[in-house]
């Protein structure tokens, strides 16, 4: 059974509608470890060794966060900078990193609806284009990137409870599929 680490980077999960629903949908899956960065590090003092041990101990890493200014949240970015270190998370000589071959999933929520994330929409780009730094980071770290990116749009404007429930169910099914 694959062990899944869900790294959550929401600044206040207790005040979240969509991110909390996604976490709640998978929290009781026996092979999933939910790791809330903001609850673990309210002072932003990241324990790099503990974080690297968590990553090493899991087969599938899910990176979940709301989109903040076309990026991840501040603590999540700091986590990337501190934890994904040269020689451990990535190399430049072709040798395997400690993350090589682990599966990676990116799951994001956005405040505005999906039609804003099209070439014709207000953002004039897809969410995949705007978050291409994730793909580059995961490739550098030699992850096996799982497609497609999980996306829940319109959390601040128009996401219905029914659509959120459907998204949470699909998320649970996706993470459950890694148990096999």
C-alpha atoms as a PDB file:
ATOM      1  CA  UNK A   1       0.000   0.000   0.000  1.00  0.00           C
ATOM      2  CA  UNK A   2       1.390   3.390  -0.971  1.00  0.00           C
ATOM      3  CA  UNK A   3       1.655   5.947   1.793  1.00  0.00           C
ATOM      4  CA  UNK A   4       0.321   9.385   0.854  1.00  0.00           C
ATOM      5  CA  UNK A   5       1.535  12.616   2.457  1.00  0.00           C
ATOM      6  CA  UNK A   6      -0.866  15.515   2.007  1.00  0.00           C
ATOM      7  CA  UNK A   7       1.085  18.732   2.573  1.00  0.00           C
ATOM      8  CA  UNK A   8      -1.482  21.488   3.131  1.00  0.00           C
ATOM      9  CA  UNK A   9      -0.478  25.131   2.825  1.00  0.00           C
ATOM     10  CA  UNK A  10      -3.619  27.079   3.730  1.00  0.00           C
ATOM     11  CA  UNK A  11      -2.979  29.979   6.168  1.00  0.00           C
ATOM     12  CA  UNK A  12      -6.119  29.236   8.199  1.00  0.00           C
ATOM     13  CA  UNK A  13      -7.715  25.920   7.379  1.00  0.00           C
ATOM     14  CA  UNK A  14     -10.416  26.501  10.008  1.00  0.00           C
ATOM     15  CA  UNK A  15     -11.682  29.465   7.958  1.00  0.00           C
ATOM     16  CA  UNK A  16     -11.434  27.691   4.620  1.00  0.00           C
ATOM     17  CA  UNK A  17     -14.394  26.280   2.782  1.00  0.00           C
ATOM     18  CA  UNK A  18     -12.803  24.451  -0.140  1.00  0.00           C
ATOM     19  CA  UNK A  19      -9.408  23.455   1.250  1.00  0.00           C
ATOM     20  CA  UNK A  20     -11.019  22.242   4.460  1.00  0.00           C
ATOM     21  CA  UNK A  21     -13.560  20.199   2.487  1.00  0.00           C
ATOM     22  CA  UNK A  22     -10.781  18.549   0.496  1.00  0.00           C
ATOM     23  CA  UNK A  23      -8.815  17.735   3.645  1.00  0.00           C
ATOM     24  CA  UNK A  24     -11.910  16.456   5.439  1.00  0.00           C
ATOM     25  CA  UNK A  25     -12.670  14.176   2.491  1.00  0.00           C
ATOM     26  CA  UNK A  26      -9.342  12.345   2.841  1.00  0.00           C
ATOM     27  CA  UNK A  27      -8.477  12.724   6.523  1.00  0.00           C
ATOM     28  CA  UNK A  28      -9.785   9.267   7.466  1.00  0.00           C
ATOM     29  CA  UNK A  29      -8.141   7.345   4.636  1.00  0.00           C
ATOM     30  CA  UNK A  30      -5.762   4.985   6.484  1.00  0.00           C
ATOM     31  CA  UNK A  31      -2.854   5.469   4.077  1.00  0.00           C
ATOM     32  CA  UNK A  32      -3.038   9.291   4.067  1.00  0.00           C
ATOM     33  CA  UNK A  33      -1.090  11.533   6.450  1.00  0.00           C
ATOM     34  CA  UNK A  34      -2.443  15.097   6.569  1.00  0.00           C
ATOM     35  CA  UNK A  35       0.302  17.611   7.303  1.00  0.00           C
ATOM     36  CA  UNK A  36      -0.946  21.183   7.855  1.00  0.00           C
ATOM     37  CA  UNK A  37       2.063  23.482   7.516  1.00  0.00           C
ATOM     38  CA  UNK A  38       0.447  26.509   9.155  1.00  0.00           C
ATOM     39  CA  UNK A  39      -0.719  24.488  12.171  1.00  0.00           C
ATOM     40  CA  UNK A  40       2.697  22.855  12.500  1.00  0.00           C
ATOM     41  CA  UNK A  41       4.750  26.020  12.007  1.00  0.00           C
ATOM     42  CA  UNK A  42       2.754  29.069  13.159  1.00  0.00           C
ATOM     43  CA  UNK A  43       6.087  30.810  13.781  1.00  0.00           C
ATOM     44  CA  UNK A  44       7.394  29.870  10.292  1.00  0.00           C
ATOM     45  CA  UNK A  45      10.344  28.051  11.905  1.00  0.00           C
ATOM     46  CA  UNK A  46      10.465  24.939   9.737  1.00  0.00           C
ATOM     47  CA  UNK A  47      12.139  21.772  11.032  1.00  0.00           C
ATOM     48  CA  UNK A  48      13.911  20.780   7.835  1.00  0.00           C
ATOM     49  CA  UNK A  49      15.061  17.357   9.059  1.00  0.00           C
ATOM     50  CA  UNK A  50      11.534  16.442  10.197  1.00  0.00           C
ATOM     51  CA  UNK A  51      10.051  17.588   6.899  1.00  0.00           C
ATOM     52  CA  UNK A  52      12.584  15.655   4.851  1.00  0.00           C
ATOM     53  CA  UNK A  53      11.925  12.551   6.978  1.00  0.00           C
ATOM     54  CA  UNK A  54       8.182  12.891   6.306  1.00  0.00           C
ATOM     55  CA  UNK A  55       8.796  13.148   2.580  1.00  0.00           C
ATOM     56  CA  UNK A  56      11.193  10.193   2.622  1.00  0.00           C
ATOM     57  CA  UNK A  57       8.651   8.047   4.489  1.00  0.00           C
ATOM     58  CA  UNK A  58       5.883   8.484   1.891  1.00  0.00           C
ATOM     59  CA  UNK A  59       5.422   7.252  -1.664  1.00  0.00           C
ATOM     60  CA  UNK A  60       2.969   9.872  -2.926  1.00  0.00           C
ATOM     61  CA  UNK A  61       3.222  13.553  -2.029  1.00  0.00           C
ATOM     62  CA  UNK A  62       0.192  15.796  -2.550  1.00  0.00           C
ATOM     63  CA  UNK A  63       0.819  19.542  -2.446  1.00  0.00           C
ATOM     64  CA  UNK A  64      -2.450  21.353  -1.667  1.00  0.00           C
ATOM     65  CA  UNK A  65      -2.911  25.100  -1.350  1.00  0.00           C
ATOM     66  CA  UNK A  66      -5.044  28.048  -2.359  1.00  0.00           C
ATOM     67  CA  UNK A  67      -3.638  30.148  -5.181  1.00  0.00           C
ATOM     68  CA  UNK A  68      -2.242  33.422  -3.812  1.00  0.00           C
ATOM     69  CA  UNK A  69      -1.159  35.891  -6.493  1.00  0.00           C
ATOM     70  CA  UNK A  70      -0.625  33.076  -8.990  1.00  0.00           C
ATOM     71  CA  UNK A  71       1.572  31.184  -6.592  1.00  0.00           C
ATOM     72  CA  UNK A  72       1.521  29.217  -3.399  1.00  0.00           C
ATOM     73  CA  UNK A  73       1.111  30.695   0.079  1.00  0.00           C
ATOM     74  CA  UNK A  74       4.031  32.354   1.941  1.00  0.00           C
ATOM     75  CA  UNK A  75       4.777  29.495   4.355  1.00  0.00           C
ATOM     76  CA  UNK A  76       4.490  26.924   1.585  1.00  0.00           C
ATOM     77  CA  UNK A  77       7.028  28.877  -0.474  1.00  0.00           C
ATOM     78  CA  UNK A  78       9.340  29.075   2.530  1.00  0.00           C
ATOM     79  CA  UNK A  79       8.852  25.329   3.041  1.00  0.00           C
ATOM     80  CA  UNK A  80       9.942  24.723  -0.564  1.00  0.00           C
ATOM     81  CA  UNK A  81      13.007  26.940  -0.116  1.00  0.00           C
ATOM     82  CA  UNK A  82      14.092  25.286   3.148  1.00  0.00           C
ATOM     83  CA  UNK A  83      13.136  21.633   2.598  1.00  0.00           C
ATOM     84  CA  UNK A  84      13.804  21.023  -1.090  1.00  0.00           C
ATOM     85  CA  UNK A  85      17.555  21.394  -0.774  1.00  0.00           C
ATOM     86  CA  UNK A  86      20.371  20.764  -3.221  1.00  0.00           C
ATOM     87  CA  UNK A  87      21.847  17.295  -2.828  1.00  0.00           C
ATOM     88  CA  UNK A  88      18.761  15.984  -1.050  1.00  0.00           C
ATOM     89  CA  UNK A  89      15.751  17.029  -3.118  1.00  0.00           C
ATOM     90  CA  UNK A  90      17.579  17.753  -6.353  1.00  0.00           C
ATOM     91  CA  UNK A  91      20.932  17.244  -8.005  1.00  0.00           C
ATOM     92  CA  UNK A  92      22.611  18.680 -11.060  1.00  0.00           C
ATOM     93  CA  UNK A  93      24.893  15.774 -11.970  1.00  0.00           C
ATOM     94  CA  UNK A  94      22.180  13.331 -13.006  1.00  0.00           C
ATOM     95  CA  UNK A  95      22.332  11.284  -9.814  1.00  0.00           C
ATOM     96  CA  UNK A  96      19.085  10.347  -8.092  1.00  0.00           C
ATOM     97  CA  UNK A  97      17.613  12.685  -5.499  1.00  0.00           C
ATOM     98  CA  UNK A  98      15.923  11.423  -2.331  1.00  0.00           C
ATOM     99  CA  UNK A  99      12.595  12.195  -4.006  1.00  0.00           C
ATOM    100  CA  UNK A 100      13.324  10.458  -7.312  1.00  0.00           C
ATOM    101  CA  UNK A 101      10.389   8.383  -8.495  1.00  0.00           C
ATOM    102  CA  UNK A 102       7.968   9.435  -5.778  1.00  0.00           C
ATOM    103  CA  UNK A 103       4.587  10.385  -7.165  1.00  0.00           C
ATOM    104  CA  UNK A 104       3.555  14.035  -6.856  1.00  0.00           C
ATOM    105  CA  UNK A 105       0.118  15.611  -7.150  1.00  0.00           C
ATOM    106  CA  UNK A 106      -0.609  19.343  -7.091  1.00  0.00           C
ATOM    107  CA  UNK A 107      -4.056  20.345  -5.806  1.00  0.00           C
ATOM    108  CA  UNK A 108      -5.091  23.993  -5.850  1.00  0.00           C
ATOM    109  CA  UNK A 109      -8.123  26.115  -5.142  1.00  0.00           C
ATOM    110  CA  UNK A 110      -8.841  29.471  -6.729  1.00  0.00           C
ATOM    111  CA  UNK A 111     -11.117  32.281  -5.682  1.00  0.00           C
ATOM    112  CA  UNK A 112     -12.478  32.991  -9.147  1.00  0.00           C
ATOM    113  CA  UNK A 113     -14.293  30.637 -11.541  1.00  0.00           C
ATOM    114  CA  UNK A 114     -12.554  28.518 -14.182  1.00  0.00           C
ATOM    115  CA  UNK A 115     -13.412  30.855 -17.058  1.00  0.00           C
ATOM    116  CA  UNK A 116     -10.961  33.391 -15.612  1.00  0.00           C
ATOM    117  CA  UNK A 117      -8.178  30.862 -16.248  1.00  0.00           C
ATOM    118  CA  UNK A 118      -8.358  30.745 -20.033  1.00  0.00           C
ATOM    119  CA  UNK A 119      -6.463  32.717 -22.691  1.00  0.00           C
ATOM    120  CA  UNK A 120      -9.630  34.800 -23.121  1.00  0.00           C
ATOM    121  CA  UNK A 121     -10.325  35.184 -19.388  1.00  0.00           C
ATOM    122  CA  UNK A 122      -9.189  37.917 -17.028  1.00  0.00           C
ATOM    123  CA  UNK A 123      -5.950  36.045 -16.219  1.00  0.00           C
ATOM    124  CA  UNK A 124      -5.262  35.395 -19.920  1.00  0.00           C
ATOM    125  CA  UNK A 125      -3.695  32.032 -19.088  1.00  0.00           C
ATOM    126  CA  UNK A 126      -4.589  28.623 -17.731  1.00  0.00           C
ATOM    127  CA  UNK A 127      -3.913  27.744 -14.121  1.00  0.00           C
ATOM    128  CA  UNK A 128      -1.336  25.227 -15.375  1.00  0.00           C
ATOM    129  CA  UNK A 129       0.541  28.006 -17.171  1.00  0.00           C
ATOM    130  CA  UNK A 130       0.386  30.335 -14.187  1.00  0.00           C
ATOM    131  CA  UNK A 131       1.622  27.599 -11.850  1.00  0.00           C
ATOM    132  CA  UNK A 132       4.247  26.173 -14.199  1.00  0.00           C
ATOM    133  CA  UNK A 133       6.813  26.739 -11.440  1.00  0.00           C
ATOM    134  CA  UNK A 134       5.283  23.701  -9.696  1.00  0.00           C
ATOM    135  CA  UNK A 135       5.958  21.514 -12.717  1.00  0.00           C
ATOM    136  CA  UNK A 136       9.528  22.798 -12.973  1.00  0.00           C
ATOM    137  CA  UNK A 137      10.167  22.225  -9.257  1.00  0.00           C
ATOM    138  CA  UNK A 138       8.732  18.718  -9.326  1.00  0.00           C
ATOM    139  CA  UNK A 139      10.737  17.798 -12.440  1.00  0.00           C
ATOM    140  CA  UNK A 140      13.937  19.129 -10.869  1.00  0.00           C
ATOM    141  CA  UNK A 141      13.263  16.998  -7.782  1.00  0.00           C
ATOM    142  CA  UNK A 142      12.732  13.962 -10.056  1.00  0.00           C
ATOM    143  CA  UNK A 143       9.142  13.341  -8.958  1.00  0.00           C
ATOM    144  CA  UNK A 144       6.806  11.219 -11.069  1.00  0.00           C
ATOM    145  CA  UNK A 145       4.284  14.000 -11.722  1.00  0.00           C
ATOM    146  CA  UNK A 146       0.703  12.780 -11.702  1.00  0.00           C
ATOM    147  CA  UNK A 147      -1.757  14.406 -14.076  1.00  0.00           C
ATOM    148  CA  UNK A 148      -3.994  16.193 -14.171  1.00  0.00           C
ATOM    149  CA  UNK A 149      -3.490  18.884 -11.570  1.00  0.00           C
ATOM    150  CA  UNK A 150      -6.426  18.896  -9.137  1.00  0.00           C
ATOM    151  CA  UNK A 151      -8.279  22.210  -9.445  1.00  0.00           C
ATOM    152  CA  UNK A 152     -11.250  23.619  -7.556  1.00  0.00           C
ATOM    153  CA  UNK A 153     -12.298  26.950  -9.041  1.00  0.00           C
ATOM    154  CA  UNK A 154     -14.498  29.764  -7.784  1.00  0.00           C
ATOM    155  CA  UNK A 155     -14.200  29.197  -4.061  1.00  0.00           C
ATOM    156  CA  UNK A 156     -14.836  32.865  -3.300  1.00  0.00           C
ATOM    157  CA  UNK A 157     -17.297  33.490  -6.118  1.00  0.00           C
ATOM    158  CA  UNK A 158     -19.976  30.993  -6.954  1.00  0.00           C
ATOM    159  CA  UNK A 159     -18.739  27.542  -5.989  1.00  0.00           C
ATOM    160  CA  UNK A 160     -21.899  25.713  -4.966  1.00  0.00           C
ATOM    161  CA  UNK A 161     -22.014  23.303  -2.054  1.00  0.00           C
ATOM    162  CA  UNK A 162     -22.950  20.582  -4.533  1.00  0.00           C
ATOM    163  CA  UNK A 163     -19.932  21.294  -6.753  1.00  0.00           C
ATOM    164  CA  UNK A 164     -17.654  21.383  -3.715  1.00  0.00           C
ATOM    165  CA  UNK A 165     -19.035  18.056  -2.479  1.00  0.00           C
ATOM    166  CA  UNK A 166     -18.412  16.559  -5.921  1.00  0.00           C
ATOM    167  CA  UNK A 167     -14.845  17.898  -5.964  1.00  0.00           C
ATOM    168  CA  UNK A 168     -14.186  16.552  -2.461  1.00  0.00           C
ATOM    169  CA  UNK A 169     -15.533  13.124  -3.451  1.00  0.00           C
ATOM    170  CA  UNK A 170     -13.335  13.044  -6.559  1.00  0.00           C
ATOM    171  CA  UNK A 171     -10.331  14.083  -4.464  1.00  0.00           C
ATOM    172  CA  UNK A 172     -11.009  11.312  -1.978  1.00  0.00           C
ATOM    173  CA  UNK A 173     -11.306   8.792  -4.813  1.00  0.00           C
ATOM    174  CA  UNK A 174      -8.031  10.006  -6.319  1.00  0.00           C
ATOM    175  CA  UNK A 175      -6.109   9.689  -3.066  1.00  0.00           C
ATOM    176  CA  UNK A 176      -7.819   6.362  -2.292  1.00  0.00           C
ATOM    177  CA  UNK A 177      -6.609   5.051  -5.659  1.00  0.00           C
ATOM    178  CA  UNK A 178      -3.023   5.258  -4.401  1.00  0.00           C
ATOM    179  CA  UNK A 179      -3.776   2.654  -1.716  1.00  0.00           C
ATOM    180  CA  UNK A 180      -3.736  -0.141  -4.284  1.00  0.00           C
END
